[in-house]
Amino acid sequence: MYLRMKYVLVLAGLSLVSLMASAQTQLPYDKYFREAGVTGSFSLYNLNEKKYYTTNTSEFRKATSPASTFKIPNTFIALEEQAVRDENEVLKWDGTQRMVPAWNEDNDLKMAYRNSTVWFYQELARHIGEDKYRSYLKKLDYGNQDISGGLTKFWLGTSLKISPEEQLKFLQKIHTQSLPFSEQTYRIGKEIMIEERTPAYTLRAKTGWAEVDSSDIGWYVGYVESKGNVYFFATRIYKPLDQKMDSFGPKRKTITRQILQDLNIL
């Protein structure tokens, strides 16, 4: 009886620790979403404080397609599986005209990550295969791990889904190098992720954009190493598909940077 009670108390304690670790504090930055004419949320994890923050608690655990933010794990998986030798290996453009001019040329991994070149990562996916993806997504504990939407599009508005909380937890594992990747994969992958490097901070990040049901969904996720700390962020915005907004894409970064600057991180 004593052992059973002790076991129950241990489980209760672990549950409380888990709950505390995932609790989040409300941030007062809804105004930036209103001013931009979009809905959504900004979420943050402060590594030194070991604390989560968000502008919208109901959004924090809501899962949607990762869209091109999946290029973060996809880059690391491709390097580890040698779908490309390194960041400089070039894949030939197939000559098909696509909507983004930067996609209509040969790409290497650095360019493909920076320009979100869909065909490049789809070609890598064919090399990696479904079995490897299932294995990696389980090891990475990435989102709902569902690749049923198809080998070359499961992350593009179909079956794979992830929440802001899960994005933040995954990014922490990238930073601490606690995932099953080699030192070389981490070195190349983390360098590719760098969007901005200044004397004051280093910003690693990725955007994503998907059309799902009746909405455009825009992501901007990453982390900032600044002032002896690391700040992980995940911004997700929405707008109706029938709403014309040429600046929807840039708003992901604009809102994020406004908040990071207000928090004295950038």
Protein backbone atom coordinates (compact mmCIF):
# COMPACT_ATOMS: atom_id res chain seq x y z
CA MET A 1 0.00 0.00 0.00
CA TYR A 2 2.86 2.35 0.94
CA LEU A 3 4.70 1.63 -2.30
CA ARG A 4 1.55 2.23 -4.36
CA MET A 5 0.91 5.55 -2.61
CA LYS A 6 4.55 6.57 -3.11
CA TYR A 7 4.27 5.71 -6.82
CA VAL A 8 1.09 7.79 -7.15
CA LEU A 9 2.76 10.75 -5.43
CA VAL A 10 5.78 10.49 -7.73
CA LEU A 11 3.53 10.47 -10.79
CA ALA A 12 1.59 13.44 -9.44
CA GLY A 13 4.86 15.28 -8.89
CA LEU A 14 6.03 14.55 -12.42
CA SER A 15 2.70 15.73 -13.81
CA LEU A 16 3.01 18.97 -11.83
CA VAL A 17 6.55 19.54 -13.12
CA SER A 18 5.35 18.90 -16.68
CA LEU A 19 2.44 21.29 -16.20
CA MET A 20 4.69 24.00 -14.78
CA ALA A 21 7.17 23.56 -17.63
CA SER A 22 4.48 24.11 -20.26
CA ALA A 23 2.57 26.89 -18.47
CA GLN A 24 2.70 30.21 -20.23
CA THR A 25 2.47 33.86 -19.21
CA GLN A 26 0.31 36.27 -21.21
CA LEU A 27 2.09 38.96 -23.23
CA PRO A 28 0.31 42.29 -23.95
CA TYR A 29 1.08 42.64 -27.67
CA ASP A 30 -2.27 42.04 -29.38
CA LYS A 31 -2.09 45.59 -30.73
CA TYR A 32 0.52 44.62 -33.31
CA PHE A 33 -1.78 41.99 -34.81
CA ARG A 34 -4.72 44.43 -34.86
CA GLU A 35 -2.61 47.14 -36.49
CA ALA A 36 -1.49 44.64 -39.14
CA GLY A 37 -5.08 43.58 -39.85
CA VAL A 38 -4.43 39.91 -39.03
CA THR A 39 -5.17 37.49 -36.22
CA GLY A 40 -2.73 35.10 -34.61
CA SER A 41 -0.20 34.85 -31.81
CA PHE A 42 3.41 35.33 -30.77
CA SER A 43 4.92 32.82 -28.36
CA LEU A 44 8.32 32.83 -26.69
CA TYR A 45 10.51 30.61 -24.52
CA ASN A 46 13.14 32.29 -22.35
CA LEU A 47 15.93 29.76 -21.82
CA ASN A 48 17.48 31.33 -18.71
CA GLU A 49 14.09 31.77 -17.05
CA LYS A 50 12.82 28.39 -18.34
CA LYS A 51 9.52 30.12 -18.95
CA TYR A 52 6.99 30.31 -21.80
CA TYR A 53 5.17 33.46 -22.86
CA THR A 54 2.39 33.99 -25.41
CA THR A 55 0.00 36.67 -26.62
CA ASN A 56 -2.83 34.14 -26.97
CA THR A 57 -3.13 31.14 -24.66
CA SER A 58 -5.83 29.47 -26.78
CA GLU A 59 -3.46 29.53 -29.78
CA PHE A 60 -0.46 28.16 -27.91
CA ARG A 61 -1.36 24.49 -28.35
CA LYS A 62 -3.40 24.77 -31.54
CA ALA A 63 -1.76 22.71 -34.31
CA THR A 64 -1.74 23.68 -38.00
CA SER A 65 0.43 22.88 -41.00
CA PRO A 66 4.07 23.89 -40.45
CA ALA A 67 4.38 24.81 -44.15
CA SER A 68 7.97 25.83 -44.92
CA THR A 69 9.00 26.01 -41.27
CA PHE A 70 9.37 22.25 -41.78
CA LYS A 71 12.44 23.12 -43.82
CA ILE A 72 14.27 23.37 -40.50
CA PRO A 73 13.96 19.66 -39.60
CA ASN A 74 13.97 18.75 -43.29
CA THR A 75 17.38 20.40 -43.72
CA PHE A 76 18.86 18.47 -40.80
CA ILE A 77 17.30 15.18 -41.93
CA ALA A 78 18.55 15.66 -45.51
CA LEU A 79 22.09 16.38 -44.33
CA GLU A 80 22.10 13.43 -41.95
CA GLU A 81 20.80 11.07 -44.66
CA GLN A 82 23.17 12.57 -47.25
CA ALA A 83 20.33 13.43 -49.60
CA VAL A 84 22.78 16.23 -50.36
CA ARG A 85 26.48 16.04 -49.50
CA ASP A 86 26.60 19.48 -47.91
CA GLU A 87 25.22 23.02 -48.16
CA ASN A 88 26.98 23.64 -51.48
CA GLU A 89 25.74 20.71 -53.58
CA VAL A 90 23.62 22.03 -56.45
CA LEU A 91 20.42 20.41 -57.70
CA LYS A 92 19.48 21.24 -61.28
CA TRP A 93 16.29 23.17 -61.97
CA ASP A 94 13.91 21.10 -64.13
CA GLY A 95 12.93 24.07 -66.34
CA THR A 96 9.36 24.30 -65.02
CA GLN A 97 8.37 27.92 -64.45
CA ARG A 98 7.14 28.51 -60.90
CA MET A 99 5.63 31.55 -59.17
CA VAL A 100 8.79 32.62 -57.30
CA PRO A 101 11.61 33.77 -59.62
CA ALA A 102 14.30 32.43 -57.26
CA TRP A 103 12.85 28.94 -57.73
CA ASN A 104 13.46 29.04 -61.48
CA GLU A 105 17.17 28.27 -61.36
CA ASP A 106 19.61 25.75 -59.97
CA ASN A 107 19.72 25.78 -56.17
CA ASP A 108 22.03 24.59 -53.45
CA LEU A 109 20.81 23.90 -49.90
CA LYS A 110 21.67 27.39 -48.65
CA MET A 111 19.67 29.04 -51.43
CA ALA A 112 16.78 26.60 -51.14
CA TYR A 113 16.42 27.26 -47.41
CA ARG A 114 16.66 31.03 -47.82
CA ASN A 115 14.22 31.14 -50.76
CA SER A 116 11.90 28.36 -49.54
CA THR A 117 12.44 26.52 -52.81
CA VAL A 118 9.68 23.92 -52.71
CA TRP A 119 10.87 21.74 -55.61
CA PHE A 120 14.35 21.41 -54.05
CA TYR A 121 13.01 19.99 -50.78
CA GLN A 122 10.54 17.79 -52.65
CA GLU A 123 13.48 16.27 -54.51
CA LEU A 124 15.25 15.68 -51.20
CA ALA A 125 12.09 14.04 -49.86
CA ARG A 126 12.18 11.50 -52.71
CA HIS A 127 15.72 10.56 -51.67
CA ILE A 128 14.81 10.32 -47.97
CA GLY A 129 11.61 8.26 -48.35
CA GLU A 130 8.56 7.69 -46.17
CA ASP A 131 10.11 5.14 -43.81
CA LYS A 132 12.95 7.47 -42.87
CA TYR A 133 10.56 10.38 -42.33
CA ARG A 134 8.37 8.29 -40.02
CA SER A 135 11.43 7.29 -38.03
CA TYR A 136 12.84 10.80 -37.78
CA LEU A 137 9.57 12.53 -36.91
CA LYS A 138 9.13 10.08 -34.05
CA LYS A 139 12.69 10.64 -32.80
CA LEU A 140 12.29 14.40 -33.14
CA ASP A 141 8.80 14.28 -31.54
CA TYR A 142 7.82 16.74 -34.25
CA GLY A 143 4.14 17.76 -34.25
CA ASN A 144 1.59 15.03 -34.95
CA GLN A 145 4.17 13.06 -37.02
CA ASP A 146 1.55 12.43 -39.74
CA ILE A 147 2.98 12.06 -43.27
CA SER A 148 -0.16 10.58 -44.82
CA GLY A 149 -0.58 13.70 -46.97
CA GLY A 150 2.05 12.38 -49.38
CA LEU A 151 5.84 12.12 -49.49
CA THR A 152 6.38 15.47 -51.24
CA LYS A 153 3.61 17.51 -49.64
CA PHE A 154 2.77 16.22 -46.15
CA TRP A 155 4.17 19.46 -44.66
CA LEU A 156 2.47 21.74 -47.21
CA GLY A 157 -1.00 22.30 -45.77
CA THR A 158 -1.96 18.63 -45.58
CA SER A 159 -1.44 16.02 -42.85
CA LEU A 160 1.52 17.22 -40.77
CA LYS A 161 0.54 19.67 -38.02
CA ILE A 162 2.38 21.46 -35.25
CA SER A 163 1.54 24.00 -32.54
CA PRO A 164 3.53 27.06 -31.40
CA GLU A 165 4.38 25.21 -28.18
CA GLU A 166 5.74 22.26 -30.19
CA GLN A 167 7.72 24.58 -32.45
CA LEU A 168 9.39 26.13 -29.41
CA LYS A 169 10.23 22.75 -27.90
CA PHE A 170 11.69 21.49 -31.17
CA LEU A 171 13.83 24.61 -31.59
CA GLN A 172 15.22 24.16 -28.09
CA LYS A 173 16.41 20.67 -29.10
CA ILE A 174 18.10 22.11 -32.19
CA HIS A 175 19.92 24.68 -30.06
CA THR A 176 21.04 22.21 -27.38
CA GLN A 177 21.89 19.57 -30.02
CA SER A 178 19.87 16.90 -28.22
CA LEU A 179 18.49 15.32 -31.41
CA PRO A 180 20.00 12.30 -33.26
CA PHE A 181 22.17 14.29 -35.68
CA SER A 182 25.92 14.33 -36.18
CA GLU A 183 28.16 17.23 -35.24
CA GLN A 184 28.63 18.02 -38.95
CA THR A 185 24.87 18.12 -39.53
CA TYR A 186 24.43 20.51 -36.62
CA ARG A 187 27.28 22.71 -37.80
CA ILE A 188 25.95 23.04 -41.36
CA GLY A 189 22.28 23.15 -40.40
CA LYS A 190 22.68 25.84 -37.77
CA GLU A 191 24.77 27.97 -40.13
CA ILE A 192 22.11 27.70 -42.85
CA MET A 193 19.46 28.83 -40.36
CA ILE A 194 21.22 32.15 -39.66
CA GLU A 195 19.15 35.05 -40.96
CA GLU A 196 20.99 37.87 -39.23
CA ARG A 197 24.22 38.14 -37.28
CA THR A 198 25.29 41.32 -35.52
CA PRO A 199 27.75 42.08 -32.69
CA ALA A 200 24.74 42.08 -30.34
CA TYR A 201 22.82 38.98 -31.43
CA THR A 202 22.46 36.06 -33.80
CA LEU A 203 19.03 35.30 -35.28
CA ARG A 204 18.19 31.88 -36.74
CA ALA A 205 14.75 31.55 -38.29
CA LYS A 206 12.41 30.30 -41.00
CA THR A 207 9.14 31.50 -42.49
CA GLY A 208 6.23 29.37 -43.66
CA TRP A 209 2.99 29.99 -45.56
CA ALA A 210 0.13 27.59 -46.30
CA GLU A 211 -3.41 27.83 -47.63
CA VAL A 212 -5.61 25.67 -45.40
CA ASP A 213 -9.39 25.48 -45.70
CA SER A 214 -10.51 29.12 -45.90
CA SER A 215 -7.39 30.75 -44.43
CA ASP A 216 -3.86 31.78 -45.25
CA ILE A 217 -1.56 30.71 -42.41
CA GLY A 218 1.79 32.44 -42.00
CA TRP A 219 4.59 31.29 -39.68
CA TYR A 220 7.85 32.82 -38.54
CA VAL A 221 9.82 30.70 -36.07
CA GLY A 222 13.37 30.65 -34.76
CA TYR A 223 15.59 31.76 -31.94
CA VAL A 224 17.81 34.66 -30.94
CA GLU A 225 21.07 34.34 -29.04
CA SER A 226 21.42 37.66 -27.27
CA LYS A 227 22.82 39.11 -24.03
CA GLY A 228 23.92 35.76 -22.65
CA ASN A 229 20.50 34.19 -23.18
CA VAL A 230 18.54 32.38 -25.88
CA TYR A 231 14.98 33.35 -26.83
CA PHE A 232 12.91 30.94 -28.92
CA PHE A 233 9.92 32.38 -30.77
CA ALA A 234 6.99 31.21 -32.88
CA THR A 235 4.70 33.68 -34.61
CA ARG A 236 1.63 32.49 -36.52
CA ILE A 237 -0.81 34.78 -38.33
CA TYR A 238 -4.02 34.20 -40.28
CA LYS A 239 -6.16 35.94 -42.84
CA PRO A 240 -9.16 34.79 -44.92
CA LEU A 241 -8.20 33.48 -48.37
CA ASP A 242 -10.58 35.94 -50.04
CA GLN A 243 -9.02 38.95 -48.28
CA LYS A 244 -6.53 40.75 -50.52
CA MET A 245 -3.34 41.65 -48.63
CA ASP A 246 -0.11 42.00 -50.59
CA SER A 247 1.84 42.53 -47.37
CA PHE A 248 0.64 39.37 -45.60
CA GLY A 249 4.00 37.63 -45.94
CA PRO A 250 6.12 40.49 -44.55
CA LYS A 251 3.74 40.94 -41.60
CA ARG A 252 5.07 37.71 -40.05
CA LYS A 253 8.50 39.23 -39.56
CA THR A 254 7.27 42.77 -38.87
CA ILE A 255 5.09 41.71 -35.92
CA THR A 256 7.80 39.43 -34.56
CA ARG A 257 10.49 42.09 -34.70
CA GLN A 258 8.21 44.68 -33.08
CA ILE A 259 7.65 42.38 -30.11
CA LEU A 260 11.28 41.26 -29.85
CA GLN A 261 12.37 44.90 -29.87
CA ASP A 262 9.79 45.80 -27.21
CA LEU A 263 11.19 42.94 -25.10
CA ASN A 264 14.72 44.33 -25.62
CA ILE A 265 15.85 41.10 -27.30
CA LEU A 266 16.76 42.73 -30.62
